[in-house]
Structures are given as structure tokens and as C-alpha cells.
Amino acid sequence: MERRKKIGVGMVLLGAGLWGSSSNSVEYLMVHQHFTWASILFWRMICTGVVFLGTCLYQKQDLLAPLKNDWKWLLKFILLGMYLMQVTFFKSIYYSNAATATVLQYTMPAILLFMYLIKERRLPTRREVVAVVLALVGTALIATKGEGAALAISQEALFYGILGAFGMAFYTAYAAVLLKKYSCFLILGWGSLGNALLLGIFNHPSLEGALFDLHTAEAFGILFVLGTLVAYYVYLESTKYIPPAETGALAAFEPLSAYFFSVVVMGNKVGPVEMLGALCIMVMVGVLARND
């Protein structure tokens, strides 16, 4: 493997690993520090929006350009993409755990495939059929733990997990349109502040009852600094070294890292059937990311 490709692969794996660890930080803040999911997400979005837009201002980008020229696409990105994806993901963590929520959200490529098949009015290829079957089998194994028709996770966890995958699909589709004209940080900056505004209006984030100590600072540090700023930076930088298809495939490492931290740090028990389900979904991502 040539040096540039090694650097790119390393960046993707680092970014995906940090995302996996940050989802467990969310679970820790909910379970042990008594934060509500809305308050965690609200402050994460405020900080992310300020830092990303501040970076764009430092780079002398036109901050108001997407608001003036593409406000309809930006509104769709915030409402149907970022807000739906983030809220349902955090609720899925609340009703299950970080590992389960992360893996369920990674059924997104199969949902995105269906959206494009309908748009292009065509039948799926053999490879796409295999990918969808893997997604369905993986989801079924995680939801039932191989125990037949009975759900092994709550209905709420499954509902919000799958709904989050739809949100991630919309997020990806609308972001692709906006990123053709604007920088990633500019779109994420406005998206994050818009998300925070919606959370403030509809979800009323409150810090009542939350614990503030060193562990809180550590968890928020992992969530914001490592799981947001560093993760996005190294992930986006990786596209300079390896093709986007390889980046997307390697990003499937995130569910694996989420499972690892869930077991090692949070002490959650993960059985072989659930791991097999996670593997099916990760293979599905790799199959759809191939460009041959």
C-alpha cells in the first residue's frame, strides 16, 4: 500500500473510531450524568455551529451565501436531514444503547439506494439486491438477537433507529446538492445552528438534574472535540488521499468501534448474534461503496 493511501485509510479509521466513541459519550451523559438527550444535542449543535462558522469567517468565506441563494435546500437539509437524523439517533441511544443505535442508522445506504431507484425508475442490480438483503438480515438479527419473531430491543429503539437511517439518507442527499457550491464547514455550521434553534423551540432542552463534574467535562470533550471537530476534519481530509468510495466503505468501521467502546467502556453485553447483524450491515456498506 502506497504512503498516501495509508495516510487516507488511517484518517478514515481514526474519524470513524472517534464517531463511535462519541456515541458512547452520549450514552454515558444520559445514564450516569442525568443529562437529557435534547440538552446534550442542543449544546453540541451550538458549539459546532459557532466553531464551523467561525472557521469559515476566518477563511473569509461569504457566510450568508447559502441563506441568500439556496435557502430552500438549506431548510430541507436542516429539517428533514440534520434535525431528523440527530434527534432520532439520540432517542435510539436513549431507548437502547450507543452500539445498537449506530448500527441501525447504518442501514441508511440501503434506504438511499431505494430513493435513487425510484428517482431513476430502474430495477436494482444484483449487487444492490445483495446489499439490501444484508441490511434486512442485519437489522433483523440486532432487533431479535436470533430469538425468532419477538423483539429483543424495545419498539421505540427500533423505530427511532430506522427513522434515523431515513434522516441520514435525506441528510446525505441534500448535503450532496449544497456541497457542490459551498464548503462542508459552511453547510454544517448553518445546519448545526438551525438544528439548535429547532431543538430550543420543539424539545425544550433543560439542564435540570444534570451532574457537572470532571467526568461531565471529559465526556463532552470526547463528544465535541474528538467526536465532532477532529472526526469531521480527518474524515474530510481523507478524501484528498483516497477515492470517496473507499472512504465510504471504511467509514463502516464506526459501528464496530461503537460496539467496542460500548462493551469495554460502558459495560454493555453484546452477543454473537448481534455482532453478526452488525457485520452484515458493515458488509452492506462496503458492497454499496464499491464503484466497479
C-alpha atoms as a PDB file:
ATOM      1  CA  MET A   1       0.000   0.000   0.000  1.00  0.00           C
ATOM      2  CA  GLU A   2       1.500   3.325  -1.039  1.00  0.00           C
ATOM      3  CA  ARG A   3       2.159   6.002   1.556  1.00  0.00           C
ATOM      4  CA  ARG A   4      -0.676   8.371   0.510  1.00  0.00           C
ATOM      5  CA  LYS A   5      -3.232   5.574   0.641  1.00  0.00           C
ATOM      6  CA  LYS A   6      -2.013   4.532   4.095  1.00  0.00           C
ATOM      7  CA  ILE A   7      -2.484   8.102   5.309  1.00  0.00           C
ATOM      8  CA  GLY A   8      -6.005   8.261   3.845  1.00  0.00           C
ATOM      9  CA  VAL A   9      -7.055   4.910   5.286  1.00  0.00           C
ATOM     10  CA  GLY A  10      -5.646   5.884   8.671  1.00  0.00           C
ATOM     11  CA  MET A  11      -7.615   9.145   8.641  1.00  0.00           C
ATOM     12  CA  VAL A  12     -10.899   7.421   7.821  1.00  0.00           C
ATOM     13  CA  LEU A  13     -10.424   4.780  10.504  1.00  0.00           C
ATOM     14  CA  LEU A  14      -9.498   7.464  13.046  1.00  0.00           C
ATOM     15  CA  GLY A  15     -12.561   9.545  12.178  1.00  0.00           C
ATOM     16  CA  ALA A  16     -14.915   6.548  12.274  1.00  0.00           C
ATOM     17  CA  GLY A  17     -13.411   5.363  15.554  1.00  0.00           C
ATOM     18  CA  LEU A  18     -13.888   8.795  17.111  1.00  0.00           C
ATOM     19  CA  TRP A  19     -17.505   8.899  15.971  1.00  0.00           C
ATOM     20  CA  GLY A  20     -18.061   5.504  17.564  1.00  0.00           C
ATOM     21  CA  SER A  21     -16.546   6.667  20.849  1.00  0.00           C
ATOM     22  CA  SER A  22     -18.595   9.880  20.849  1.00  0.00           C
ATOM     23  CA  SER A  23     -21.905   7.980  20.659  1.00  0.00           C
ATOM     24  CA  ASN A  24     -20.893   6.164  23.834  1.00  0.00           C
ATOM     25  CA  SER A  25     -20.165   9.536  25.446  1.00  0.00           C
ATOM     26  CA  VAL A  26     -23.775  10.478  24.726  1.00  0.00           C
ATOM     27  CA  GLU A  27     -24.948   7.274  26.406  1.00  0.00           C
ATOM     28  CA  TYR A  28     -22.690   7.959  29.411  1.00  0.00           C
ATOM     29  CA  LEU A  29     -24.033  11.516  29.833  1.00  0.00           C
ATOM     30  CA  MET A  30     -27.614  10.227  29.744  1.00  0.00           C
ATOM     31  CA  VAL A  31     -27.205   7.218  32.017  1.00  0.00           C
ATOM     32  CA  HIS A  32     -24.645   8.396  34.574  1.00  0.00           C
ATOM     33  CA  GLN A  33     -24.701  12.212  34.465  1.00  0.00           C
ATOM     34  CA  HIS A  34     -28.501  12.540  34.036  1.00  0.00           C
ATOM     35  CA  PHE A  35     -28.454  14.825  31.003  1.00  0.00           C
ATOM     36  CA  THR A  36     -31.461  14.741  28.689  1.00  0.00           C
ATOM     37  CA  TRP A  37     -30.791  13.803  25.077  1.00  0.00           C
ATOM     38  CA  ALA A  38     -32.144  17.211  23.994  1.00  0.00           C
ATOM     39  CA  SER A  39     -29.731  19.172  26.211  1.00  0.00           C
ATOM     40  CA  ILE A  40     -26.709  17.180  25.001  1.00  0.00           C
ATOM     41  CA  LEU A  41     -27.637  17.643  21.359  1.00  0.00           C
ATOM     42  CA  PHE A  42     -28.536  21.329  21.818  1.00  0.00           C
ATOM     43  CA  TRP A  43     -25.180  22.318  23.277  1.00  0.00           C
ATOM     44  CA  ARG A  44     -23.285  20.124  20.838  1.00  0.00           C
ATOM     45  CA  MET A  45     -25.003  21.879  17.924  1.00  0.00           C
ATOM     46  CA  ILE A  46     -24.427  25.362  19.375  1.00  0.00           C
ATOM     47  CA  CYS A  47     -20.700  24.727  19.828  1.00  0.00           C
ATOM     48  CA  THR A  48     -20.349  23.027  16.439  1.00  0.00           C
ATOM     49  CA  GLY A  49     -22.152  25.821  14.609  1.00  0.00           C
ATOM     50  CA  VAL A  50     -20.097  28.576  16.236  1.00  0.00           C
ATOM     51  CA  VAL A  51     -16.755  26.842  15.601  1.00  0.00           C
ATOM     52  CA  PHE A  52     -17.514  25.854  11.993  1.00  0.00           C
ATOM     53  CA  LEU A  53     -18.900  29.274  11.022  1.00  0.00           C
ATOM     54  CA  GLY A  54     -16.029  30.945  12.877  1.00  0.00           C
ATOM     55  CA  THR A  55     -13.617  28.892  10.769  1.00  0.00           C
ATOM     56  CA  CYS A  56     -15.419  29.991   7.593  1.00  0.00           C
ATOM     57  CA  LEU A  57     -15.260  33.630   8.710  1.00  0.00           C
ATOM     58  CA  TYR A  58     -11.512  33.280   9.331  1.00  0.00           C
ATOM     59  CA  GLN A  59     -11.170  31.857   5.809  1.00  0.00           C
ATOM     60  CA  LYS A  60     -13.110  34.896   4.500  1.00  0.00           C
ATOM     61  CA  GLN A  61     -15.966  32.855   3.065  1.00  0.00           C
ATOM     62  CA  ASP A  62     -19.309  34.521   2.348  1.00  0.00           C
ATOM     63  CA  LEU A  63     -21.268  33.291   5.382  1.00  0.00           C
ATOM     64  CA  LEU A  64     -24.651  34.459   4.060  1.00  0.00           C
ATOM     65  CA  ALA A  65     -24.340  32.968   0.562  1.00  0.00           C
ATOM     66  CA  PRO A  66     -26.352  29.750   1.231  1.00  0.00           C
ATOM     67  CA  LEU A  67     -29.017  31.763   3.098  1.00  0.00           C
ATOM     68  CA  LYS A  68     -29.421  34.153   0.180  1.00  0.00           C
ATOM     69  CA  ASN A  69     -29.098  31.795  -2.771  1.00  0.00           C
ATOM     70  CA  ASP A  70     -30.143  28.313  -1.610  1.00  0.00           C
ATOM     71  CA  TRP A  71     -32.284  28.809   1.471  1.00  0.00           C
ATOM     72  CA  LYS A  72     -34.853  26.205   0.329  1.00  0.00           C
ATOM     73  CA  TRP A  73     -32.233  23.448   0.013  1.00  0.00           C
ATOM     74  CA  LEU A  74     -30.650  24.527   3.295  1.00  0.00           C
ATOM     75  CA  LEU A  75     -34.038  24.388   5.029  1.00  0.00           C
ATOM     76  CA  LYS A  76     -34.635  20.856   3.698  1.00  0.00           C
ATOM     77  CA  PHE A  77     -31.145  19.847   4.850  1.00  0.00           C
ATOM     78  CA  ILE A  78     -31.796  21.172   8.364  1.00  0.00           C
ATOM     79  CA  LEU A  79     -35.371  19.903   8.823  1.00  0.00           C
ATOM     80  CA  LEU A  80     -35.524  16.564   7.011  1.00  0.00           C
ATOM     81  CA  GLY A  81     -31.822  15.799   7.244  1.00  0.00           C
ATOM     82  CA  MET A  82     -29.884  17.069  10.220  1.00  0.00           C
ATOM     83  CA  TYR A  83     -32.720  17.530  12.726  1.00  0.00           C
ATOM     84  CA  LEU A  84     -34.466  14.249  11.904  1.00  0.00           C
ATOM     85  CA  MET A  85     -31.189  12.321  11.857  1.00  0.00           C
ATOM     86  CA  GLN A  86     -29.785  13.724  15.098  1.00  0.00           C
ATOM     87  CA  VAL A  87     -32.973  13.650  17.183  1.00  0.00           C
ATOM     88  CA  THR A  88     -33.893  10.081  16.248  1.00  0.00           C
ATOM     89  CA  PHE A  89     -30.301   8.885  16.743  1.00  0.00           C
ATOM     90  CA  PHE A  90     -30.124  10.325  20.260  1.00  0.00           C
ATOM     91  CA  LYS A  91     -33.564   8.896  21.091  1.00  0.00           C
ATOM     92  CA  SER A  92     -32.464   5.493  19.813  1.00  0.00           C
ATOM     93  CA  ILE A  93     -29.471   5.645  22.159  1.00  0.00           C
ATOM     94  CA  TYR A  94     -31.824   6.582  24.999  1.00  0.00           C
ATOM     95  CA  TYR A  95     -34.084   3.563  24.376  1.00  0.00           C
ATOM     96  CA  SER A  96     -31.241   1.093  23.707  1.00  0.00           C
ATOM     97  CA  ASN A  97     -27.509   1.882  23.680  1.00  0.00           C
ATOM     98  CA  ALA A  98     -24.913   3.598  21.521  1.00  0.00           C
ATOM     99  CA  ALA A  99     -23.856   0.468  19.632  1.00  0.00           C
ATOM    100  CA  THR A 100     -27.386  -0.572  18.629  1.00  0.00           C
ATOM    101  CA  ALA A 101     -28.362   2.970  17.594  1.00  0.00           C
ATOM    102  CA  THR A 102     -25.213   3.373  15.489  1.00  0.00           C
ATOM    103  CA  VAL A 103     -25.642   0.094  13.632  1.00  0.00           C
ATOM    104  CA  LEU A 104     -29.339   0.691  12.920  1.00  0.00           C
ATOM    105  CA  GLN A 105     -28.525   4.120  11.495  1.00  0.00           C
ATOM    106  CA  TYR A 106     -26.037   2.483   9.132  1.00  0.00           C
ATOM    107  CA  THR A 107     -28.915   0.861   7.233  1.00  0.00           C
ATOM    108  CA  MET A 108     -29.011   4.287   5.555  1.00  0.00           C
ATOM    109  CA  PRO A 109     -27.215   3.242   2.324  1.00  0.00           C
ATOM    110  CA  ALA A 110     -29.966   0.705   1.579  1.00  0.00           C
ATOM    111  CA  ILE A 111     -32.643   3.378   2.130  1.00  0.00           C
ATOM    112  CA  LEU A 112     -30.719   5.856  -0.016  1.00  0.00           C
ATOM    113  CA  LEU A 113     -30.488   3.183  -2.718  1.00  0.00           C
ATOM    114  CA  PHE A 114     -34.284   2.802  -2.756  1.00  0.00           C
ATOM    115  CA  MET A 115     -34.673   6.576  -3.064  1.00  0.00           C
ATOM    116  CA  TYR A 116     -32.414   6.693  -6.111  1.00  0.00           C
ATOM    117  CA  LEU A 117     -34.012   3.617  -7.694  1.00  0.00           C
ATOM    118  CA  ILE A 118     -37.400   5.350  -7.510  1.00  0.00           C
ATOM    119  CA  LYS A 119     -35.932   8.596  -8.843  1.00  0.00           C
ATOM    120  CA  GLU A 120     -34.140   6.837 -11.730  1.00  0.00           C
ATOM    121  CA  ARG A 121     -37.081   4.457 -12.365  1.00  0.00           C
ATOM    122  CA  ARG A 122     -34.942   1.354 -12.656  1.00  0.00           C
ATOM    123  CA  LEU A 123     -34.610  -2.080 -11.073  1.00  0.00           C
ATOM    124  CA  PRO A 124     -31.740  -2.824  -8.685  1.00  0.00           C
ATOM    125  CA  THR A 125     -28.617  -4.623  -9.864  1.00  0.00           C
ATOM    126  CA  ARG A 126     -27.592  -7.986  -8.429  1.00  0.00           C
ATOM    127  CA  ARG A 127     -25.065  -6.292  -6.134  1.00  0.00           C
ATOM    128  CA  GLU A 128     -27.705  -3.843  -4.883  1.00  0.00           C
ATOM    129  CA  VAL A 129     -30.110  -6.701  -4.115  1.00  0.00           C
ATOM    130  CA  VAL A 130     -27.382  -8.439  -2.091  1.00  0.00           C
ATOM    131  CA  ALA A 131     -26.753  -5.201  -0.182  1.00  0.00           C
ATOM    132  CA  VAL A 132     -30.444  -4.756   0.686  1.00  0.00           C
ATOM    133  CA  VAL A 133     -30.726  -8.379   1.849  1.00  0.00           C
ATOM    134  CA  LEU A 134     -27.671  -7.880   4.079  1.00  0.00           C
ATOM    135  CA  ALA A 135     -29.257  -4.744   5.549  1.00  0.00           C
ATOM    136  CA  LEU A 136     -32.531  -6.536   6.277  1.00  0.00           C
ATOM    137  CA  VAL A 137     -30.829  -9.604   7.772  1.00  0.00           C
ATOM    138  CA  GLY A 138     -28.509  -7.456   9.898  1.00  0.00           C
ATOM    139  CA  THR A 139     -31.374  -5.359  11.230  1.00  0.00           C
ATOM    140  CA  ALA A 140     -33.447  -8.471  11.996  1.00  0.00           C
ATOM    141  CA  LEU A 141     -30.570 -10.110  13.892  1.00  0.00           C
ATOM    142  CA  ILE A 142     -29.981  -6.993  16.002  1.00  0.00           C
ATOM    143  CA  ALA A 143     -33.700  -6.464  16.678  1.00  0.00           C
ATOM    144  CA  THR A 144     -34.420 -10.080  17.669  1.00  0.00           C
ATOM    145  CA  LYS A 145     -30.967 -11.379  18.748  1.00  0.00           C
ATOM    146  CA  GLY A 146     -31.878 -14.533  16.838  1.00  0.00           C
ATOM    147  CA  GLU A 147     -34.821 -15.316  19.110  1.00  0.00           C
ATOM    148  CA  GLY A 148     -37.472 -15.561  16.400  1.00  0.00           C
ATOM    149  CA  ALA A 149     -40.269 -13.052  15.882  1.00  0.00           C
ATOM    150  CA  ALA A 150     -40.065 -11.472  19.340  1.00  0.00           C
ATOM    151  CA  LEU A 151     -38.200  -8.165  19.565  1.00  0.00           C
ATOM    152  CA  ALA A 152     -35.127  -8.246  21.803  1.00  0.00           C
ATOM    153  CA  ILE A 153     -34.907  -4.440  21.825  1.00  0.00           C
ATOM    154  CA  SER A 154     -37.708  -2.001  22.546  1.00  0.00           C
ATOM    155  CA  GLN A 155     -40.091  -0.954  19.785  1.00  0.00           C
ATOM    156  CA  GLU A 156     -39.020   2.648  20.400  1.00  0.00           C
ATOM    157  CA  ALA A 157     -35.336   1.820  19.855  1.00  0.00           C
ATOM    158  CA  LEU A 158     -36.077   0.043  16.574  1.00  0.00           C
ATOM    159  CA  PHE A 159     -38.479   2.760  15.387  1.00  0.00           C
ATOM    160  CA  TYR A 160     -36.122   5.660  16.099  1.00  0.00           C
ATOM    161  CA  GLY A 161     -33.115   3.719  14.818  1.00  0.00           C
ATOM    162  CA  ILE A 162     -34.708   3.077  11.408  1.00  0.00           C
ATOM    163  CA  LEU A 163     -36.226   6.571  11.275  1.00  0.00           C
ATOM    164  CA  GLY A 164     -32.733   7.904  11.958  1.00  0.00           C
ATOM    165  CA  ALA A 165     -31.472   5.979   8.925  1.00  0.00           C
ATOM    166  CA  PHE A 166     -34.094   7.777   6.800  1.00  0.00           C
ATOM    167  CA  GLY A 167     -32.935  11.086   8.275  1.00  0.00           C
ATOM    168  CA  MET A 168     -29.328  10.204   7.455  1.00  0.00           C
ATOM    169  CA  ALA A 169     -30.382   9.370   3.876  1.00  0.00           C
ATOM    170  CA  PHE A 170     -32.069  12.775   3.455  1.00  0.00           C
ATOM    171  CA  TYR A 171     -29.061  14.407   5.136  1.00  0.00           C
ATOM    172  CA  THR A 172     -26.707  12.771   2.634  1.00  0.00           C
ATOM    173  CA  ALA A 173     -28.845  13.564  -0.413  1.00  0.00           C
ATOM    174  CA  TYR A 174     -29.422  17.233   0.431  1.00  0.00           C
ATOM    175  CA  ALA A 175     -25.830  17.761   1.546  1.00  0.00           C
ATOM    176  CA  ALA A 176     -24.613  16.450  -1.840  1.00  0.00           C
ATOM    177  CA  VAL A 177     -26.538  19.245  -3.567  1.00  0.00           C
ATOM    178  CA  LEU A 178     -25.271  22.001  -1.255  1.00  0.00           C
ATOM    179  CA  LEU A 179     -21.653  20.809  -1.189  1.00  0.00           C
ATOM    180  CA  LYS A 180     -21.393  21.351  -4.933  1.00  0.00           C
ATOM    181  CA  LYS A 181     -21.488  25.098  -4.245  1.00  0.00           C
ATOM    182  CA  TYR A 182     -20.384  25.618  -0.630  1.00  0.00           C
ATOM    183  CA  SER A 183     -17.757  24.322   1.797  1.00  0.00           C
ATOM    184  CA  CYS A 184     -18.590  21.496   4.185  1.00  0.00           C
ATOM    185  CA  PHE A 185     -17.932  23.646   7.266  1.00  0.00           C
ATOM    186  CA  LEU A 186     -20.252  26.393   5.989  1.00  0.00           C
ATOM    187  CA  ILE A 187     -23.148  23.973   5.455  1.00  0.00           C
ATOM    188  CA  LEU A 188     -22.523  22.129   8.728  1.00  0.00           C
ATOM    189  CA  GLY A 189     -22.215  25.433  10.579  1.00  0.00           C
ATOM    190  CA  TRP A 190     -25.600  26.759   9.470  1.00  0.00           C
ATOM    191  CA  GLY A 191     -27.117  23.288   9.757  1.00  0.00           C
ATOM    192  CA  SER A 192     -25.936  22.963  13.361  1.00  0.00           C
ATOM    193  CA  LEU A 193     -27.273  26.381  14.413  1.00  0.00           C
ATOM    194  CA  GLY A 194     -30.577  25.677  12.642  1.00  0.00           C
ATOM    195  CA  ASN A 195     -30.755  22.344  14.429  1.00  0.00           C
ATOM    196  CA  ALA A 196     -30.134  24.046  17.782  1.00  0.00           C
ATOM    197  CA  LEU A 197     -32.935  26.531  17.047  1.00  0.00           C
ATOM    198  CA  LEU A 198     -35.401  23.710  16.307  1.00  0.00           C
ATOM    199  CA  LEU A 199     -34.350  21.876  19.476  1.00  0.00           C
ATOM    200  CA  GLY A 200     -34.917  25.030  21.510  1.00  0.00           C
ATOM    201  CA  ILE A 201     -38.404  25.501  20.038  1.00  0.00           C
ATOM    202  CA  PHE A 202     -39.734  21.924  19.948  1.00  0.00           C
ATOM    203  CA  ASN A 203     -37.729  19.927  22.501  1.00  0.00           C
ATOM    204  CA  HIS A 204     -37.045  22.477  25.278  1.00  0.00           C
ATOM    205  CA  PRO A 205     -33.550  21.317  26.357  1.00  0.00           C
ATOM    206  CA  SER A 206     -33.059  21.587  30.100  1.00  0.00           C
ATOM    207  CA  LEU A 207     -30.043  21.062  32.358  1.00  0.00           C
ATOM    208  CA  GLU A 208     -32.210  20.443  35.441  1.00  0.00           C
ATOM    209  CA  GLY A 209     -30.913  17.478  37.430  1.00  0.00           C
ATOM    210  CA  ALA A 210     -27.747  17.104  35.354  1.00  0.00           C
ATOM    211  CA  LEU A 211     -24.445  16.458  37.131  1.00  0.00           C
ATOM    212  CA  PHE A 212     -21.486  18.755  36.434  1.00  0.00           C
ATOM    213  CA  ASP A 213     -18.103  17.341  37.376  1.00  0.00           C
ATOM    214  CA  LEU A 214     -14.822  16.219  35.820  1.00  0.00           C
ATOM    215  CA  HIS A 215     -16.485  13.210  34.208  1.00  0.00           C
ATOM    216  CA  THR A 216     -19.013  15.508  32.534  1.00  0.00           C
ATOM    217  CA  ALA A 217     -16.212  17.652  31.109  1.00  0.00           C
ATOM    218  CA  GLU A 218     -14.386  14.557  29.853  1.00  0.00           C
ATOM    219  CA  ALA A 219     -17.496  13.149  28.164  1.00  0.00           C
ATOM    220  CA  PHE A 220     -18.360  16.465  26.487  1.00  0.00           C
ATOM    221  CA  GLY A 221     -14.714  16.836  25.457  1.00  0.00           C
ATOM    222  CA  ILE A 222     -14.792  13.458  23.714  1.00  0.00           C
ATOM    223  CA  LEU A 223     -18.190  14.221  22.175  1.00  0.00           C
ATOM    224  CA  PHE A 224     -17.371  17.709  20.882  1.00  0.00           C
ATOM    225  CA  VAL A 225     -13.617  17.951  20.356  1.00  0.00           C
ATOM    226  CA  LEU A 226     -12.788  14.381  19.318  1.00  0.00           C
ATOM    227  CA  GLY A 227     -16.159  13.099  18.081  1.00  0.00           C
ATOM    228  CA  THR A 228     -17.119  16.242  16.159  1.00  0.00           C
ATOM    229  CA  LEU A 229     -14.275  18.610  15.269  1.00  0.00           C
ATOM    230  CA  VAL A 230     -11.378  16.151  14.900  1.00  0.00           C
ATOM    231  CA  ALA A 231     -13.553  13.379  13.414  1.00  0.00           C
ATOM    232  CA  TYR A 232     -15.038  15.605  10.699  1.00  0.00           C
ATOM    233  CA  TYR A 233     -11.645  17.114   9.887  1.00  0.00           C
ATOM    234  CA  VAL A 234      -9.734  13.849   9.428  1.00  0.00           C
ATOM    235  CA  TYR A 235     -12.663  12.234   7.608  1.00  0.00           C
ATOM    236  CA  LEU A 236     -12.947  15.065   5.085  1.00  0.00           C
ATOM    237  CA  GLU A 237      -9.162  15.332   4.695  1.00  0.00           C
ATOM    238  CA  SER A 238      -9.022  11.617   3.831  1.00  0.00           C
ATOM    239  CA  THR A 239     -10.762  12.335   0.511  1.00  0.00           C
ATOM    240  CA  LYS A 240      -7.552  14.050  -0.616  1.00  0.00           C
ATOM    241  CA  TYR A 241      -5.688  10.737  -0.337  1.00  0.00           C
ATOM    242  CA  ILE A 242      -8.185   8.013  -1.280  1.00  0.00           C
ATOM    243  CA  PRO A 243     -11.321   7.856  -3.508  1.00  0.00           C
ATOM    244  CA  PRO A 244     -14.690   8.736  -1.925  1.00  0.00           C
ATOM    245  CA  ALA A 245     -15.949   5.166  -2.493  1.00  0.00           C
ATOM    246  CA  GLU A 246     -13.158   3.782  -0.315  1.00  0.00           C
ATOM    247  CA  THR A 247     -13.820   6.470   2.279  1.00  0.00           C
ATOM    248  CA  GLY A 248     -17.484   5.464   2.479  1.00  0.00           C
ATOM    249  CA  ALA A 249     -16.638   1.777   2.799  1.00  0.00           C
ATOM    250  CA  LEU A 250     -14.067   2.308   5.539  1.00  0.00           C
ATOM    251  CA  ALA A 251     -16.498   4.543   7.453  1.00  0.00           C
ATOM    252  CA  ALA A 252     -18.403   1.339   8.216  1.00  0.00           C
ATOM    253  CA  PHE A 253     -15.736   0.888  10.900  1.00  0.00           C
ATOM    254  CA  GLU A 254     -17.835   3.262  13.042  1.00  0.00           C
ATOM    255  CA  PRO A 255     -20.403   0.626  14.160  1.00  0.00           C
ATOM    256  CA  LEU A 256     -17.545  -1.710  15.080  1.00  0.00           C
ATOM    257  CA  SER A 257     -15.867   0.982  17.166  1.00  0.00           C
ATOM    258  CA  ALA A 258     -19.231   1.808  18.776  1.00  0.00           C
ATOM    259  CA  TYR A 259     -19.622  -1.837  19.798  1.00  0.00           C
ATOM    260  CA  PHE A 260     -16.058  -1.937  21.112  1.00  0.00           C
ATOM    261  CA  PHE A 261     -16.483   1.132  23.332  1.00  0.00           C
ATOM    262  CA  SER A 262     -19.969   0.017  24.361  1.00  0.00           C
ATOM    263  CA  VAL A 263     -18.574  -3.250  25.750  1.00  0.00           C
ATOM    264  CA  VAL A 264     -15.227  -2.010  27.119  1.00  0.00           C
ATOM    265  CA  VAL A 265     -16.247   1.394  28.489  1.00  0.00           C
ATOM    266  CA  MET A 266     -19.990   1.196  29.133  1.00  0.00           C
ATOM    267  CA  GLY A 267     -20.055  -2.462  30.174  1.00  0.00           C
ATOM    268  CA  ASN A 268     -22.917  -3.378  27.819  1.00  0.00           C
ATOM    269  CA  LYS A 269     -23.262  -7.035  26.875  1.00  0.00           C
ATOM    270  CA  VAL A 270     -23.206  -7.810  23.154  1.00  0.00           C
ATOM    271  CA  GLY A 271     -23.917 -11.347  21.976  1.00  0.00           C
ATOM    272  CA  PRO A 272     -22.584 -13.137  18.884  1.00  0.00           C
ATOM    273  CA  VAL A 273     -25.927 -12.803  17.048  1.00  0.00           C
ATOM    274  CA  GLU A 274     -25.875  -9.017  17.441  1.00  0.00           C
ATOM    275  CA  MET A 275     -22.264  -8.904  16.267  1.00  0.00           C
ATOM    276  CA  LEU A 276     -23.243 -10.968  13.222  1.00  0.00           C
ATOM    277  CA  GLY A 277     -26.038  -8.484  12.498  1.00  0.00           C
ATOM    278  CA  ALA A 278     -23.584  -5.576  12.789  1.00  0.00           C
ATOM    279  CA  LEU A 279     -21.189  -7.383  10.446  1.00  0.00           C
ATOM    280  CA  CYS A 280     -23.969  -7.826   7.857  1.00  0.00           C
ATOM    281  CA  ILE A 281     -24.678  -4.095   7.889  1.00  0.00           C
ATOM    282  CA  MET A 282     -20.981  -3.185   7.657  1.00  0.00           C
ATOM    283  CA  VAL A 283     -20.537  -5.544   4.695  1.00  0.00           C
ATOM    284  CA  MET A 284     -23.618  -3.953   3.101  1.00  0.00           C
ATOM    285  CA  VAL A 285     -21.982  -0.512   3.344  1.00  0.00           C
ATOM    286  CA  GLY A 286     -18.835  -1.869   1.717  1.00  0.00           C
ATOM    287  CA  VAL A 287     -20.802  -3.534  -1.094  1.00  0.00           C
ATOM    288  CA  LEU A 288     -22.668  -0.337  -1.974  1.00  0.00           C
ATOM    289  CA  ALA A 289     -19.496   1.781  -1.718  1.00  0.00           C
ATOM    290  CA  ARG A 290     -17.718  -0.234  -4.411  1.00  0.00           C
ATOM    291  CA  ASN A 291     -17.508   1.624  -7.705  1.00  0.00           C
ATOM    292  CA  ASP A 292     -16.589  -1.260 -10.013  1.00  0.00           C
END
